[in-house]
């Protein structure tokens, strides 16, 4: 029997693509948190926003480090 609705395409992302996309999302989240902090600097929640910013910046650094490792060319291994 034929399917009436085809299966959605499978988007298989490489690890590099996934890391780049995750880094972009972390940047967007940090930007939103920073804007929230600017709009309400005296809010009781401002300490939570600052903590979130710190965690997002740490996440971005880790993602960028992982991306460097993925993009680094593999060195040929010596044959003995």
PDB file of N, CA and C in Angstrom:
ATOM      1  N   UNK A   1       0.839  -1.174   0.000  1.00  0.00           N
ATOM      2  CA  UNK A   1       0.000   0.000   0.000  1.00  0.00           C
ATOM      3  C   UNK A   1       0.890   1.245   0.000  1.00  0.00           C
ATOM      4  N   UNK A   2       0.545   2.220  -0.775  1.00  0.00           N
ATOM      5  CA  UNK A   2       1.309   3.460  -0.857  1.00  0.00           C
ATOM      6  C   UNK A   2       0.933   4.397   0.277  1.00  0.00           C
ATOM      7  N   UNK A   3       1.938   5.107   0.730  1.00  0.00           N
ATOM      8  CA  UNK A   3       1.691   6.105   1.772  1.00  0.00           C
ATOM      9  C   UNK A   3       1.084   7.342   1.139  1.00  0.00           C
ATOM     10  N   UNK A   4       0.093   7.902   1.819  1.00  0.00           N
ATOM     11  CA  UNK A   4      -0.519   9.135   1.336  1.00  0.00           C
ATOM     12  C   UNK A   4       0.381  10.321   1.648  1.00  0.00           C
ATOM     13  N   UNK A   5       0.979  10.298   2.844  1.00  0.00           N
ATOM     14  CA  UNK A   5       1.865  11.382   3.265  1.00  0.00           C
ATOM     15  C   UNK A   5       3.287  10.827   3.339  1.00  0.00           C
ATOM     16  N   UNK A   6       4.229  11.428   2.609  1.00  0.00           N
ATOM     17  CA  UNK A   6       5.608  10.913   2.661  1.00  0.00           C
ATOM     18  C   UNK A   6       6.266  11.217   3.998  1.00  0.00           C
ATOM     19  N   UNK A   7       7.271  10.426   4.338  1.00  0.00           N
ATOM     20  CA  UNK A   7       8.035  10.670   5.554  1.00  0.00           C
ATOM     21  C   UNK A   7       8.782  11.989   5.416  1.00  0.00           C
ATOM     22  N   UNK A   8       8.934  12.713   6.532  1.00  0.00           N
ATOM     23  CA  UNK A   8       9.703  13.965   6.459  1.00  0.00           C
ATOM     24  C   UNK A   8      11.163  13.652   6.159  1.00  0.00           C
ATOM     25  N   UNK A   9      11.845  14.589   5.534  1.00  0.00           N
ATOM     26  CA  UNK A   9      13.268  14.331   5.231  1.00  0.00           C
ATOM     27  C   UNK A   9      14.073  14.228   6.521  1.00  0.00           C
ATOM     28  N   UNK A  10      15.042  13.359   6.500  1.00  0.00           N
ATOM     29  CA  UNK A  10      15.916  13.197   7.653  1.00  0.00           C
ATOM     30  C   UNK A  10      17.110  14.122   7.472  1.00  0.00           C
ATOM     31  N   UNK A  11      17.219  15.073   8.367  1.00  0.00           N
ATOM     32  CA  UNK A  11      18.336  16.010   8.313  1.00  0.00           C
ATOM     33  C   UNK A  11      19.416  15.488   9.253  1.00  0.00           C
ATOM     34  N   UNK A  12      20.410  14.893   8.686  1.00  0.00           N
ATOM     35  CA  UNK A  12      21.510  14.387   9.489  1.00  0.00           C
ATOM     36  C   UNK A  12      22.595  15.451   9.491  1.00  0.00           C
ATOM     37  N   UNK A  13      22.772  16.067  10.656  1.00  0.00           N
ATOM     38  CA  UNK A  13      23.767  17.125  10.788  1.00  0.00           C
ATOM     39  C   UNK A  13      25.089  16.509  11.246  1.00  0.00           C
ATOM     40  N   UNK A  14      26.148  17.105  10.774  1.00  0.00           N
ATOM     41  CA  UNK A  14      27.452  16.681  11.255  1.00  0.00           C
ATOM     42  C   UNK A  14      27.648  17.245  12.657  1.00  0.00           C
ATOM     43  N   UNK A  15      28.605  16.694  13.369  1.00  0.00           N
ATOM     44  CA  UNK A  15      28.905  17.198  14.706  1.00  0.00           C
ATOM     45  C   UNK A  15      29.284  18.667  14.644  1.00  0.00           C
ATOM     46  N   UNK A  16      30.038  19.040  13.625  1.00  0.00           N
ATOM     47  CA  UNK A  16      30.442  20.446  13.466  1.00  0.00           C
ATOM     48  C   UNK A  16      29.219  21.348  13.298  1.00  0.00           C
ATOM     49  N   UNK A  17      28.271  20.939  12.450  1.00  0.00           N
ATOM     50  CA  UNK A  17      27.052  21.722  12.253  1.00  0.00           C
ATOM     51  C   UNK A  17      26.255  21.850  13.547  1.00  0.00           C
ATOM     52  N   UNK A  18      26.174  20.760  14.292  1.00  0.00           N
ATOM     53  CA  UNK A  18      25.432  20.761  15.550  1.00  0.00           C
ATOM     54  C   UNK A  18      26.079  21.694  16.563  1.00  0.00           C
ATOM     55  N   UNK A  19      27.412  21.675  16.644  1.00  0.00           N
ATOM     56  CA  UNK A  19      28.109  22.565  17.569  1.00  0.00           C
ATOM     57  C   UNK A  19      27.929  24.030  17.191  1.00  0.00           C
ATOM     58  N   UNK A  20      27.971  24.314  15.899  1.00  0.00           N
ATOM     59  CA  UNK A  20      27.764  25.689  15.433  1.00  0.00           C
ATOM     60  C   UNK A  20      26.352  26.152  15.771  1.00  0.00           C
ATOM     61  N   UNK A  21      25.378  25.290  15.529  1.00  0.00           N
ATOM     62  CA  UNK A  21      23.993  25.642  15.828  1.00  0.00           C
ATOM     63  C   UNK A  21      23.788  25.831  17.339  1.00  0.00           C
ATOM     64  N   UNK A  22      24.378  24.976  18.148  1.00  0.00           N
ATOM     65  CA  UNK A  22      24.259  25.099  19.603  1.00  0.00           C
ATOM     66  C   UNK A  22      24.914  26.395  20.090  1.00  0.00           C
ATOM     67  N   UNK A  23      26.050  26.752  19.492  1.00  0.00           N
ATOM     68  CA  UNK A  23      26.729  27.994  19.852  1.00  0.00           C
ATOM     69  C   UNK A  23      25.863  29.202  19.509  1.00  0.00           C
ATOM     70  N   UNK A  24      25.205  29.155  18.359  1.00  0.00           N
ATOM     71  CA  UNK A  24      24.308  30.247  17.968  1.00  0.00           C
ATOM     72  C   UNK A  24      23.139  30.386  18.949  1.00  0.00           C
ATOM     73  N   UNK A  25      22.582  29.256  19.365  1.00  0.00           N
ATOM     74  CA  UNK A  25      21.472  29.297  20.323  1.00  0.00           C
ATOM     75  C   UNK A  25      21.935  29.844  21.669  1.00  0.00           C
ATOM     76  N   UNK A  26      23.121  29.464  22.098  1.00  0.00           N
ATOM     77  CA  UNK A  26      23.662  29.972  23.363  1.00  0.00           C
ATOM     78  C   UNK A  26      23.874  31.486  23.270  1.00  0.00           C
ATOM     79  N   UNK A  27      24.352  31.956  22.134  1.00  0.00           N
ATOM     80  CA  UNK A  27      24.538  33.399  21.933  1.00  0.00           C
ATOM     81  C   UNK A  27      23.197  34.130  21.983  1.00  0.00           C
ATOM     82  N   UNK A  28      22.188  33.580  21.336  1.00  0.00           N
ATOM     83  CA  UNK A  28      20.862  34.205  21.351  1.00  0.00           C
ATOM     84  C   UNK A  28      20.298  34.243  22.768  1.00  0.00           C
ATOM     85  N   UNK A  29      20.453  33.153  23.502  1.00  0.00           N
ATOM     86  CA  UNK A  29      19.950  33.107  24.876  1.00  0.00           C
ATOM     87  C   UNK A  29      20.677  34.122  25.751  1.00  0.00           C
ATOM     88  N   UNK A  30      21.979  34.255  25.564  1.00  0.00           N
ATOM     89  CA  UNK A  30      22.749  35.230  26.340  1.00  0.00           C
ATOM     90  C   UNK A  30      22.325  36.653  25.996  1.00  0.00           C
ATOM     91  N   UNK A  31      22.037  36.893  24.742  1.00  0.00           N
ATOM     92  CA  UNK A  31      21.589  38.221  24.318  1.00  0.00           C
ATOM     93  C   UNK A  31      20.243  38.573  24.956  1.00  0.00           C
ATOM     94  N   UNK A  32      19.333  37.614  24.986  1.00  0.00           N
ATOM     95  CA  UNK A  32      18.024  37.843  25.603  1.00  0.00           C
ATOM     96  C   UNK A  32      18.188  38.100  27.100  1.00  0.00           C
ATOM     97  N   UNK A  33      19.016  37.301  27.768  1.00  0.00           N
ATOM     98  CA  UNK A  33      19.238  37.488  29.210  1.00  0.00           C
ATOM     99  C   UNK A  33      19.884  38.838  29.492  1.00  0.00           C
ATOM    100  N   UNK A  34      20.831  39.236  28.648  1.00  0.00           N
ATOM    101  CA  UNK A  34      21.481  40.535  28.821  1.00  0.00           C
ATOM    102  C   UNK A  34      20.481  41.671  28.650  1.00  0.00           C
ATOM    103  N   UNK A  35      19.608  41.553  27.672  1.00  0.00           N
ATOM    104  CA  UNK A  35      18.580  42.580  27.449  1.00  0.00           C
ATOM    105  C   UNK A  35      17.626  42.645  28.637  1.00  0.00           C
ATOM    106  N   UNK A  36      17.252  41.486  29.184  1.00  0.00           N
ATOM    107  CA  UNK A  36      16.373  41.456  30.357  1.00  0.00           C
ATOM    108  C   UNK A  36      17.037  42.148  31.542  1.00  0.00           C
ATOM    109  N   UNK A  37      18.341  41.950  31.687  1.00  0.00           N
ATOM    110  CA  UNK A  37      19.072  42.592  32.775  1.00  0.00           C
ATOM    111  C   UNK A  37      19.114  44.104  32.591  1.00  0.00           C
ATOM    112  N   UNK A  38      19.273  44.550  31.346  1.00  0.00           N
ATOM    113  CA  UNK A  38      19.277  45.990  31.077  1.00  0.00           C
ATOM    114  C   UNK A  38      17.916  46.631  31.338  1.00  0.00           C
ATOM    115  N   UNK A  39      16.839  45.891  31.053  1.00  0.00           N
ATOM    116  CA  UNK A  39      15.500  46.435  31.237  1.00  0.00           C
ATOM    117  C   UNK A  39      15.091  46.502  32.709  1.00  0.00           C
ATOM    118  N   UNK A  40      15.565  45.548  33.499  1.00  0.00           N
ATOM    119  CA  UNK A  40      15.188  45.480  34.909  1.00  0.00           C
ATOM    120  C   UNK A  40      16.421  45.256  35.787  1.00  0.00           C
ATOM    121  N   UNK A  41      17.339  46.232  35.861  1.00  0.00           N
ATOM    122  CA  UNK A  41      18.581  46.001  36.608  1.00  0.00           C
ATOM    123  C   UNK A  41      18.385  45.863  38.116  1.00  0.00           C
ATOM    124  N   UNK A  42      17.322  46.421  38.655  1.00  0.00           N
ATOM    125  CA  UNK A  42      17.079  46.374  40.109  1.00  0.00           C
ATOM    126  C   UNK A  42      16.079  45.282  40.493  1.00  0.00           C
ATOM    127  N   UNK A  43      15.696  44.460  39.534  1.00  0.00           N
ATOM    128  CA  UNK A  43      14.728  43.403  39.796  1.00  0.00           C
ATOM    129  C   UNK A  43      15.306  42.363  40.757  1.00  0.00           C
ATOM    130  N   UNK A  44      14.462  41.777  41.618  1.00  0.00           N
ATOM    131  CA  UNK A  44      14.950  40.699  42.489  1.00  0.00           C
ATOM    132  C   UNK A  44      15.493  39.511  41.687  1.00  0.00           C
ATOM    133  N   UNK A  45      15.046  39.379  40.455  1.00  0.00           N
ATOM    134  CA  UNK A  45      15.508  38.274  39.615  1.00  0.00           C
ATOM    135  C   UNK A  45      16.828  38.581  38.912  1.00  0.00           C
ATOM    136  N   UNK A  46      17.365  39.786  39.079  1.00  0.00           N
ATOM    137  CA  UNK A  46      18.578  40.172  38.340  1.00  0.00           C
ATOM    138  C   UNK A  46      19.768  39.262  38.678  1.00  0.00           C
ATOM    139  N   UNK A  47      19.858  38.787  39.908  1.00  0.00           N
ATOM    140  CA  UNK A  47      20.965  37.886  40.261  1.00  0.00           C
ATOM    141  C   UNK A  47      20.833  36.566  39.511  1.00  0.00           C
ATOM    142  N   UNK A  48      19.605  36.115  39.312  1.00  0.00           N
ATOM    143  CA  UNK A  48      19.389  34.892  38.532  1.00  0.00           C
ATOM    144  C   UNK A  48      19.734  35.103  37.062  1.00  0.00           C
ATOM    145  N   UNK A  49      19.417  36.276  36.559  1.00  0.00           N
ATOM    146  CA  UNK A  49      19.744  36.587  35.166  1.00  0.00           C
ATOM    147  C   UNK A  49      21.257  36.661  34.993  1.00  0.00           C
ATOM    148  N   UNK A  50      21.948  37.297  35.944  1.00  0.00           N
ATOM    149  CA  UNK A  50      23.415  37.374  35.857  1.00  0.00           C
ATOM    150  C   UNK A  50      24.039  35.982  35.936  1.00  0.00           C
ATOM    151  N   UNK A  51      23.486  35.124  36.783  1.00  0.00           N
ATOM    152  CA  UNK A  51      23.983  33.754  36.879  1.00  0.00           C
ATOM    153  C   UNK A  51      23.756  33.009  35.566  1.00  0.00           C
ATOM    154  N   UNK A  52      22.588  33.217  34.975  1.00  0.00           N
ATOM    155  CA  UNK A  52      22.300  32.595  33.684  1.00  0.00           C
ATOM    156  C   UNK A  52      23.266  33.074  32.614  1.00  0.00           C
ATOM    157  N   UNK A  53      23.568  34.369  32.614  1.00  0.00           N
ATOM    158  CA  UNK A  53      24.537  34.915  31.658  1.00  0.00           C
ATOM    159  C   UNK A  53      25.903  34.268  31.831  1.00  0.00           C
ATOM    160  N   UNK A  54      26.324  34.129  33.069  1.00  0.00           N
ATOM    161  CA  UNK A  54      27.619  33.497  33.344  1.00  0.00           C
ATOM    162  C   UNK A  54      27.638  32.057  32.818  1.00  0.00           C
ATOM    163  N   UNK A  55      26.580  31.319  33.090  1.00  0.00           N
ATOM    164  CA  UNK A  55      26.507  29.932  32.636  1.00  0.00           C
ATOM    165  C   UNK A  55      26.469  29.842  31.109  1.00  0.00           C
ATOM    166  N   UNK A  56      25.747  30.753  30.464  1.00  0.00           N
ATOM    167  CA  UNK A  56      25.682  30.753  29.005  1.00  0.00           C
ATOM    168  C   UNK A  56      27.032  31.101  28.383  1.00  0.00           C
ATOM    169  N   UNK A  57      27.751  32.032  28.994  1.00  0.00           N
ATOM    170  CA  UNK A  57      29.084  32.376  28.487  1.00  0.00           C
ATOM    171  C   UNK A  57      30.040  31.188  28.640  1.00  0.00           C
ATOM    172  N   UNK A  58      29.923  30.467  29.755  1.00  0.00           N
ATOM    173  CA  UNK A  58      30.742  29.278  29.955  1.00  0.00           C
ATOM    174  C   UNK A  58      30.377  28.209  28.935  1.00  0.00           C
ATOM    175  N   UNK A  59      29.087  28.036  28.688  1.00  0.00           N
ATOM    176  CA  UNK A  59      28.625  27.076  27.687  1.00  0.00           C
ATOM    177  C   UNK A  59      29.172  27.421  26.308  1.00  0.00           C
ATOM    178  N   UNK A  60      29.124  28.688  25.939  1.00  0.00           N
ATOM    179  CA  UNK A  60      29.646  29.106  24.631  1.00  0.00           C
ATOM    180  C   UNK A  60      31.138  28.815  24.518  1.00  0.00           C
ATOM    181  N   UNK A  61      31.888  29.064  25.590  1.00  0.00           N
ATOM    182  CA  UNK A  61      33.328  28.781  25.561  1.00  0.00           C
ATOM    183  C   UNK A  61      33.582  27.281  25.371  1.00  0.00           C
ATOM    184  N   UNK A  62      32.810  26.458  26.048  1.00  0.00           N
ATOM    185  CA  UNK A  62      32.965  25.006  25.900  1.00  0.00           C
ATOM    186  C   UNK A  62      32.601  24.555  24.487  1.00  0.00           C
ATOM    187  N   UNK A  63      31.517  25.107  23.946  1.00  0.00           N
ATOM    188  CA  UNK A  63      31.116  24.746  22.587  1.00  0.00           C
ATOM    189  C   UNK A  63      32.157  25.188  21.565  1.00  0.00           C
ATOM    190  N   UNK A  64      32.698  26.383  21.739  1.00  0.00           N
ATOM    191  CA  UNK A  64      33.725  26.862  20.813  1.00  0.00           C
ATOM    192  C   UNK A  64      34.986  26.014  20.905  1.00  0.00           C
ATOM    193  N   UNK A  65      35.335  25.571  22.098  1.00  0.00           N
ATOM    194  CA  UNK A  65      36.486  24.698  22.276  1.00  0.00           C
ATOM    195  C   UNK A  65      36.252  23.357  21.573  1.00  0.00           C
ATOM    196  N   UNK A  66      35.054  22.822  21.735  1.00  0.00           N
ATOM    197  CA  UNK A  66      34.724  21.555  21.059  1.00  0.00           C
ATOM    198  C   UNK A  66      34.753  21.732  19.549  1.00  0.00           C
ATOM    199  N   UNK A  67      34.278  22.872  19.076  1.00  0.00           N
ATOM    200  CA  UNK A  67      34.273  23.144  17.639  1.00  0.00           C
ATOM    201  C   UNK A  67      35.692  23.209  17.087  1.00  0.00           C
ATOM    202  N   UNK A  68      36.605  23.801  17.842  1.00  0.00           N
ATOM    203  CA  UNK A  68      38.007  23.867  17.416  1.00  0.00           C
ATOM    204  C   UNK A  68      38.573  22.453  17.280  1.00  0.00           C
ATOM    205  N   UNK A  69      38.243  21.585  18.225  1.00  0.00           N
ATOM    206  CA  UNK A  69      38.732  20.206  18.161  1.00  0.00           C
ATOM    207  C   UNK A  69      38.158  19.460  16.956  1.00  0.00           C
ATOM    208  N   UNK A  70      36.907  19.725  16.631  1.00  0.00           N
ATOM    209  CA  UNK A  70      36.282  19.065  15.483  1.00  0.00           C
ATOM    210  C   UNK A  70      36.890  19.570  14.181  1.00  0.00           C
ATOM    211  N   UNK A  71      37.205  20.853  14.127  1.00  0.00           N
ATOM    212  CA  UNK A  71      37.717  21.451  12.898  1.00  0.00           C
ATOM    213  C   UNK A  71      39.216  21.234  12.712  1.00  0.00           C
ATOM    214  N   UNK A  72      39.911  20.823  13.781  1.00  0.00           N
ATOM    215  CA  UNK A  72      41.351  20.638  13.699  1.00  0.00           C
ATOM    216  C   UNK A  72      41.653  19.472  12.761  1.00  0.00           C
ATOM    217  N   UNK A  73      42.560  19.674  11.797  1.00  0.00           N
ATOM    218  CA  UNK A  73      42.897  18.563  10.893  1.00  0.00           C
ATOM    219  C   UNK A  73      43.599  17.455  11.667  1.00  0.00           C
ATOM    220  N   UNK A  74      43.257  16.236  11.311  1.00  0.00           N
ATOM    221  CA  UNK A  74      43.864  15.095  11.978  1.00  0.00           C
ATOM    222  C   UNK A  74      45.293  14.922  11.480  1.00  0.00           C
ATOM    223  N   UNK A  75      46.201  14.720  12.433  1.00  0.00           N
ATOM    224  CA  UNK A  75      47.600  14.535  12.072  1.00  0.00           C
ATOM    225  C   UNK A  75      47.818  13.089  11.666  1.00  0.00           C
ATOM    226  N   UNK A  76      48.583  12.862  10.624  1.00  0.00           N
ATOM    227  CA  UNK A  76      48.840  11.488  10.209  1.00  0.00           C
ATOM    228  C   UNK A  76      49.638  10.751  11.293  1.00  0.00           C
ATOM    229  N   UNK A  77      49.261   9.508  11.524  1.00  0.00           N
ATOM    230  CA  UNK A  77      49.950   8.717  12.532  1.00  0.00           C
ATOM    231  C   UNK A  77      51.150   8.023  11.893  1.00  0.00           C
ATOM    232  N   UNK A  78      52.252   8.010  12.616  1.00  0.00           N
ATOM    233  CA  UNK A  78      53.460   7.362  12.120  1.00  0.00           C
ATOM    234  C   UNK A  78      53.246   5.849  12.079  1.00  0.00           C
ATOM    235  N   UNK A  79      53.705   5.253  11.020  1.00  0.00           N
ATOM    236  CA  UNK A  79      53.586   3.795  10.897  1.00  0.00           C
ATOM    237  C   UNK A  79      54.901   3.159  11.306  1.00  0.00           C
ATOM    238  N   UNK A  80      54.852   2.240  12.230  1.00  0.00           N
ATOM    239  CA  UNK A  80      56.043   1.566  12.709  1.00  0.00           C
ATOM    240  C   UNK A  80      56.074   0.156  12.233  1.00  0.00           C
TER     241      UNK A  80
END
